[in-house]
Amino acid sequence: MGSLVAIVGPTAVGKSNLALHLAQSFNGEIVSSDSCQVYRFMDIGTAKPSDDEKNIVPHHLIDVIEPDEPFDLATYQKMTYRAIDDIHSRGKLAILVGGSGLYVRAVLGGYRIPEAPPDYELRQKLEEKAKTDGVDVLIDELQKADPAAVQSIDPKNIRRVIRAIEVYRITGKPYSELTKAEPPKYDILTIGLTIDRDKLYKKIDDRVDSMIEMGLVDEVKRLVDKGYSYDLTSLCSLGYKQIGEYLRGETTLNEAVDKLKYETHRLARH
C-alpha cells in the first residue's frame, strides 16, 4: 500500500497551508476531510482552496454534491478510499487534510460504518422530540439500547445521538457494535498542529472577518435564492447557520458574526 499523510488540528491553525507545502515538496495530492467542502456553491464559508491553489496541487472530495443531496460518513469514507487509491496508483503521495475530526477518524481508523440508510421521517420525529421533551429523553433511550454509544458520543451532538438511535431501530443492533474498526493498510503518518489558544482565537476571528468581507452573506443569500432551504444539513453548518439567522431577521449582522466567532472557538476547543 502507498503512504498517507494526515494533517490534523483545530480550525484555522494552518493545516491547508502545510498540506500545500508538503504536496508541492513531495509530489502529493490533497484529499479534503471537511464535511462541508463537498457541497457545491459553498465556497467562502467552508474556506475552500482557491482556483490557483487547485491548479498548483490537485484536490479531491471538493464540490462533489449539491447542497440538498444526502451525504453521510459511509459515503465519504468510500469516496476517500477511492481517491487515495487513485493517487497511489499514479505513484503520488496522498495528503488528508480538513477540519472534520469524525471524517478523519473514519478514514484512518477504518470504521465499519453501519449499512443503515437514513430514515428522514424518523430523524424529524426524534428532532421534534428533543425540542419538546429535551435531549435527555433521547439519551435515556440510547442508554437502554446501546450504553457503549452513550459513552462515546458527545450528548451535545444531537445529530450523532439521533443517528445512533436510528441505526439501532433499523438494524436491531447497537451502533457501537456496528462501528468496530479495521484500519486501512496504508503507511500512515499523522501530523498534529497546535498553537497558543489566544493566538488561535485571533486567527479564527480574523478568518471570520475575512469571510464577511469576501461576501459570505451574499453567498448564503444566493444559496437560498437558488431554492435551497435553511433547514438543510448543509445550511445548518457553522457559518451558514448564523448568517441564515441574520438573513431571516432573527439577529443583527454583528450578533451573527459574534456568534459565529464564539461557536468556532468552541469547535476549536473540542
Protein backbone atom coordinates (compact mmCIF):
# COMPACT_ATOMS: atom_id res chain seq x y z
CA MET A 1 0.00 0.00 0.00
CA GLY A 2 1.04 3.60 -0.53
CA SER A 3 1.70 6.31 2.01
CA LEU A 4 -0.88 8.62 3.55
CA VAL A 5 -0.09 11.80 5.46
CA ALA A 6 -2.94 13.11 7.63
CA ILE A 7 -2.75 16.69 8.89
CA VAL A 8 -5.00 17.28 11.89
CA GLY A 9 -5.65 20.11 14.33
CA PRO A 10 -8.17 22.82 15.19
CA THR A 11 -9.76 25.04 12.56
CA ALA A 12 -7.63 27.99 11.35
CA VAL A 13 -4.40 26.51 12.75
CA GLY A 14 -2.77 26.31 9.32
CA LYS A 15 -3.45 22.76 8.09
CA SER A 16 -4.22 23.73 4.49
CA ASN A 17 -1.05 25.80 4.08
CA LEU A 18 1.08 22.93 5.36
CA ALA A 19 -0.73 20.49 3.07
CA LEU A 20 0.02 22.66 0.04
CA HIS A 21 3.68 22.92 1.03
CA LEU A 22 4.04 19.15 1.53
CA ALA A 23 2.18 18.33 -1.67
CA GLN A 24 4.49 20.56 -3.70
CA SER A 25 7.58 19.22 -1.93
CA PHE A 26 6.76 15.51 -2.11
CA ASN A 27 4.70 15.08 -5.33
CA GLY A 28 1.43 14.83 -3.47
CA GLU A 29 -2.27 15.43 -3.94
CA ILE A 30 -4.71 16.65 -1.30
CA VAL A 31 -7.87 14.86 -0.13
CA SER A 32 -10.27 17.07 1.82
CA SER A 33 -11.75 15.72 5.05
CA ASP A 34 -14.04 18.71 5.50
CA SER A 35 -17.69 17.73 5.81
CA CYS A 36 -18.89 20.90 4.06
CA GLN A 37 -16.35 21.37 1.26
CA VAL A 38 -18.10 18.50 -0.53
CA TYR A 39 -21.02 20.86 -1.30
CA ARG A 40 -21.07 22.98 -4.45
CA PHE A 41 -21.71 26.75 -4.20
CA MET A 42 -20.46 26.81 -0.59
CA ASP A 43 -17.02 28.30 -1.06
CA ILE A 44 -16.41 31.21 1.31
CA GLY A 45 -17.93 29.76 4.47
CA THR A 46 -16.08 26.45 4.06
CA ALA A 47 -12.71 28.09 3.30
CA LYS A 48 -12.26 26.08 0.12
CA PRO A 49 -8.91 26.28 -1.64
CA SER A 50 -8.69 28.94 -4.34
CA ASP A 51 -8.60 28.12 -8.05
CA ASP A 52 -4.89 28.98 -8.07
CA GLU A 53 -4.23 26.52 -5.24
CA LYS A 54 -6.20 23.79 -7.02
CA ASN A 55 -4.21 24.45 -10.19
CA ILE A 56 -0.95 24.09 -8.28
CA VAL A 57 -1.98 20.91 -6.42
CA PRO A 58 -4.88 18.58 -7.33
CA HIS A 59 -7.60 18.45 -4.65
CA HIS A 60 -10.17 15.69 -4.10
CA LEU A 61 -13.57 15.47 -2.33
CA ILE A 62 -14.40 19.12 -3.06
CA ASP A 63 -17.56 20.21 -4.93
CA VAL A 64 -18.86 16.66 -5.38
CA ILE A 65 -22.55 17.06 -4.46
CA GLU A 66 -25.36 19.62 -4.40
CA PRO A 67 -26.25 21.27 -1.05
CA ASP A 68 -29.56 19.37 -0.90
CA GLU A 69 -28.13 15.93 -1.71
CA PRO A 70 -27.83 13.38 1.12
CA PHE A 71 -24.26 12.73 2.21
CA ASP A 72 -23.12 10.60 5.11
CA LEU A 73 -19.99 9.26 6.74
CA ALA A 74 -20.10 5.94 4.89
CA THR A 75 -20.30 7.71 1.52
CA TYR A 76 -17.42 9.99 2.45
CA GLN A 77 -15.26 7.07 3.60
CA LYS A 78 -15.81 5.11 0.38
CA MET A 79 -15.12 8.13 -1.83
CA THR A 80 -11.99 8.97 0.15
CA TYR A 81 -10.55 5.48 -0.06
CA ARG A 82 -11.16 5.55 -3.83
CA ALA A 83 -9.41 8.93 -4.12
CA ILE A 84 -6.44 7.77 -2.04
CA ASP A 85 -6.09 4.57 -4.06
CA ASP A 86 -6.26 6.57 -7.29
CA ILE A 87 -3.49 8.89 -6.06
CA HIS A 88 -1.34 5.89 -5.10
CA SER A 89 -1.94 4.25 -8.49
CA ARG A 90 -0.23 7.24 -10.08
CA GLY A 91 2.76 6.99 -7.76
CA LYS A 92 1.89 10.07 -5.73
CA LEU A 93 1.63 10.88 -2.03
CA ALA A 94 -1.89 11.22 -0.59
CA ILE A 95 -2.38 14.01 1.94
CA LEU A 96 -5.59 14.01 4.02
CA VAL A 97 -6.44 17.40 5.48
CA GLY A 98 -9.51 19.13 6.90
CA GLY A 99 -11.43 20.09 9.97
CA SER A 100 -13.96 17.28 10.43
CA GLY A 101 -12.49 15.03 13.11
CA LEU A 102 -15.03 12.24 12.68
CA TYR A 103 -14.32 12.07 8.95
CA VAL A 104 -10.58 11.81 9.59
CA ARG A 105 -11.04 9.11 12.23
CA ALA A 106 -13.33 7.12 9.94
CA VAL A 107 -10.62 7.01 7.28
CA LEU A 108 -7.57 6.47 9.48
CA GLY A 109 -9.32 4.05 11.80
CA GLY A 110 -11.19 2.16 9.10
CA TYR A 111 -14.57 2.38 10.82
CA ARG A 112 -17.05 -0.28 9.73
CA ILE A 113 -19.94 2.09 9.27
CA PRO A 114 -23.46 0.64 9.66
CA GLU A 115 -25.33 -0.18 6.47
CA ALA A 116 -28.45 1.62 7.63
CA PRO A 117 -29.88 4.11 5.12
CA PRO A 118 -31.10 7.40 6.58
CA ASP A 119 -34.72 7.43 7.75
CA TYR A 120 -35.55 11.13 7.41
CA GLU A 121 -39.06 10.77 8.81
CA LEU A 122 -37.68 9.11 11.95
CA ARG A 123 -34.98 11.76 12.25
CA GLN A 124 -37.56 14.52 12.11
CA LYS A 125 -39.65 12.86 14.80
CA LEU A 126 -36.61 12.45 17.06
CA GLU A 127 -35.55 16.07 16.46
CA GLU A 128 -39.03 17.27 17.41
CA LYS A 129 -38.96 15.04 20.48
CA ALA A 130 -35.65 16.57 21.52
CA LYS A 131 -37.08 20.08 21.13
CA THR A 132 -40.26 19.37 23.10
CA ASP A 133 -39.06 16.90 25.74
CA GLY A 134 -35.34 17.66 25.88
CA VAL A 135 -32.25 15.85 24.63
CA ASP A 136 -32.08 13.78 27.83
CA VAL A 137 -35.08 11.77 26.63
CA LEU A 138 -33.08 10.65 23.59
CA ILE A 139 -30.01 9.98 25.72
CA ASP A 140 -32.13 7.77 28.01
CA GLU A 141 -33.42 5.79 25.02
CA LEU A 142 -29.91 5.32 23.68
CA GLN A 143 -28.64 4.34 27.12
CA LYS A 144 -31.12 1.45 27.24
CA ALA A 145 -30.31 0.29 23.71
CA ASP A 146 -26.60 0.98 23.50
CA PRO A 147 -24.82 2.23 26.65
CA ALA A 148 -21.41 1.99 24.93
CA ALA A 149 -22.55 4.52 22.33
CA VAL A 150 -23.59 6.95 25.06
CA GLN A 151 -20.05 6.84 26.42
CA SER A 152 -18.50 7.67 23.04
CA ILE A 153 -20.93 10.31 21.71
CA ASP A 154 -20.96 13.93 22.84
CA PRO A 155 -24.52 14.47 24.19
CA LYS A 156 -24.47 17.97 22.69
CA ASN A 157 -24.10 16.42 19.24
CA ILE A 158 -27.80 15.71 18.76
CA ARG A 159 -27.33 14.54 15.16
CA ARG A 160 -25.00 11.75 16.26
CA VAL A 161 -27.30 10.75 19.11
CA ILE A 162 -30.20 10.55 16.68
CA ARG A 163 -28.11 8.56 14.20
CA ALA A 164 -27.19 6.01 16.87
CA ILE A 165 -30.88 5.57 17.76
CA GLU A 166 -31.78 5.38 14.08
CA VAL A 167 -29.23 2.62 13.43
CA TYR A 168 -30.46 0.57 16.39
CA ARG A 169 -34.12 0.89 15.35
CA ILE A 170 -33.35 -0.05 11.73
CA THR A 171 -30.89 -2.89 12.28
CA GLY A 172 -31.80 -4.06 15.78
CA LYS A 173 -28.08 -3.97 16.57
CA PRO A 174 -26.16 -1.47 18.73
CA TYR A 175 -24.47 1.34 16.84
CA SER A 176 -21.30 0.79 18.88
CA GLU A 177 -21.07 -2.83 17.74
CA LEU A 178 -21.52 -1.92 14.10
CA THR A 179 -18.77 0.70 14.16
CA LYS A 180 -15.86 -1.55 15.04
CA ALA A 181 -12.73 -0.60 13.18
CA GLU A 182 -10.33 -2.26 10.75
CA PRO A 183 -7.55 0.24 9.91
CA PRO A 184 -6.61 0.53 6.23
CA LYS A 185 -3.28 -0.91 5.09
CA TYR A 186 -1.72 2.46 4.29
CA ASP A 187 1.63 3.61 5.65
CA ILE A 188 0.17 6.45 7.71
CA LEU A 189 1.91 9.48 9.18
CA THR A 190 -0.29 11.80 11.25
CA ILE A 191 0.89 15.37 11.82
CA GLY A 192 -0.92 17.28 14.55
CA LEU A 193 -0.77 21.07 14.58
CA THR A 194 -1.40 23.26 17.60
CA ILE A 195 -0.96 26.85 18.65
CA ASP A 196 -1.42 29.02 21.74
CA ARG A 197 -5.16 29.37 22.37
CA ASP A 198 -5.24 33.18 22.35
CA LYS A 199 -3.36 33.24 19.04
CA LEU A 200 -5.73 30.62 17.63
CA TYR A 201 -8.79 32.65 18.65
CA LYS A 202 -7.25 35.70 16.95
CA LYS A 203 -6.70 33.68 13.75
CA ILE A 204 -10.29 32.41 13.90
CA ASP A 205 -11.70 35.91 14.39
CA ASP A 206 -9.59 37.25 11.52
CA ARG A 207 -10.80 34.42 9.29
CA VAL A 208 -14.45 35.12 10.12
CA ASP A 209 -13.97 38.84 9.42
CA SER A 210 -12.30 37.96 6.12
CA MET A 211 -15.22 35.68 5.16
CA ILE A 212 -17.66 38.52 5.75
CA GLU A 213 -15.53 40.88 3.66
CA MET A 214 -15.31 38.27 0.88
CA GLY A 215 -19.12 38.08 0.71
CA LEU A 216 -20.32 35.27 2.96
CA VAL A 217 -23.69 37.00 3.42
CA ASP A 218 -24.22 37.16 -0.34
CA GLU A 219 -23.11 33.54 -0.71
CA VAL A 220 -25.78 32.36 1.73
CA LYS A 221 -28.39 34.59 0.08
CA ARG A 222 -27.53 33.11 -3.35
CA LEU A 223 -27.98 29.59 -1.99
CA VAL A 224 -31.44 30.46 -0.66
CA ASP A 225 -32.33 32.24 -3.92
CA LYS A 226 -31.42 29.01 -5.75
CA GLY A 227 -34.13 27.28 -3.70
CA TYR A 228 -32.00 25.63 -1.03
CA SER A 229 -33.74 25.52 2.37
CA TYR A 230 -32.30 26.90 5.57
CA ASP A 231 -33.23 23.55 7.15
CA LEU A 232 -30.79 21.54 5.02
CA THR A 233 -27.89 19.91 6.83
CA SER A 234 -25.51 21.89 4.62
CA LEU A 235 -27.09 25.24 5.53
CA CYS A 236 -27.21 24.34 9.22
CA SER A 237 -23.42 24.09 9.28
CA LEU A 238 -21.12 26.55 11.00
CA GLY A 239 -21.21 29.97 9.36
CA TYR A 240 -24.22 29.31 7.15
CA LYS A 241 -26.50 28.78 10.14
CA GLN A 242 -25.52 32.07 11.79
CA ILE A 243 -25.75 34.10 8.58
CA GLY A 244 -29.07 32.44 7.85
CA GLU A 245 -30.39 33.69 11.18
CA TYR A 246 -29.34 37.20 10.16
CA LEU A 247 -30.97 36.95 6.73
CA ARG A 248 -34.22 35.78 8.35
CA GLY A 249 -34.19 38.85 10.59
CA GLU A 250 -33.66 36.86 13.77
CA THR A 251 -30.48 38.75 14.70
CA THR A 252 -28.27 41.62 13.57
CA LEU A 253 -25.22 41.02 11.41
CA ASN A 254 -22.87 41.97 14.24
CA GLU A 255 -24.62 39.50 16.55
CA ALA A 256 -24.42 36.78 13.91
CA VAL A 257 -20.70 37.40 13.41
CA ASP A 258 -20.03 37.36 17.15
CA LYS A 259 -21.98 34.13 17.50
CA LEU A 260 -20.04 32.58 14.60
CA LYS A 261 -16.74 33.50 16.24
CA TYR A 262 -17.88 32.09 19.59
CA GLU A 263 -19.10 28.82 18.06
CA THR A 264 -15.87 28.45 16.09
CA HIS A 265 -13.86 28.99 19.28
CA ARG A 266 -15.93 26.24 20.90
CA LEU A 267 -15.31 23.91 17.95
CA ALA A 268 -11.58 24.59 18.15
CA ARG A 269 -11.54 23.72 21.88
CA HIS A 270 -13.42 20.49 21.16
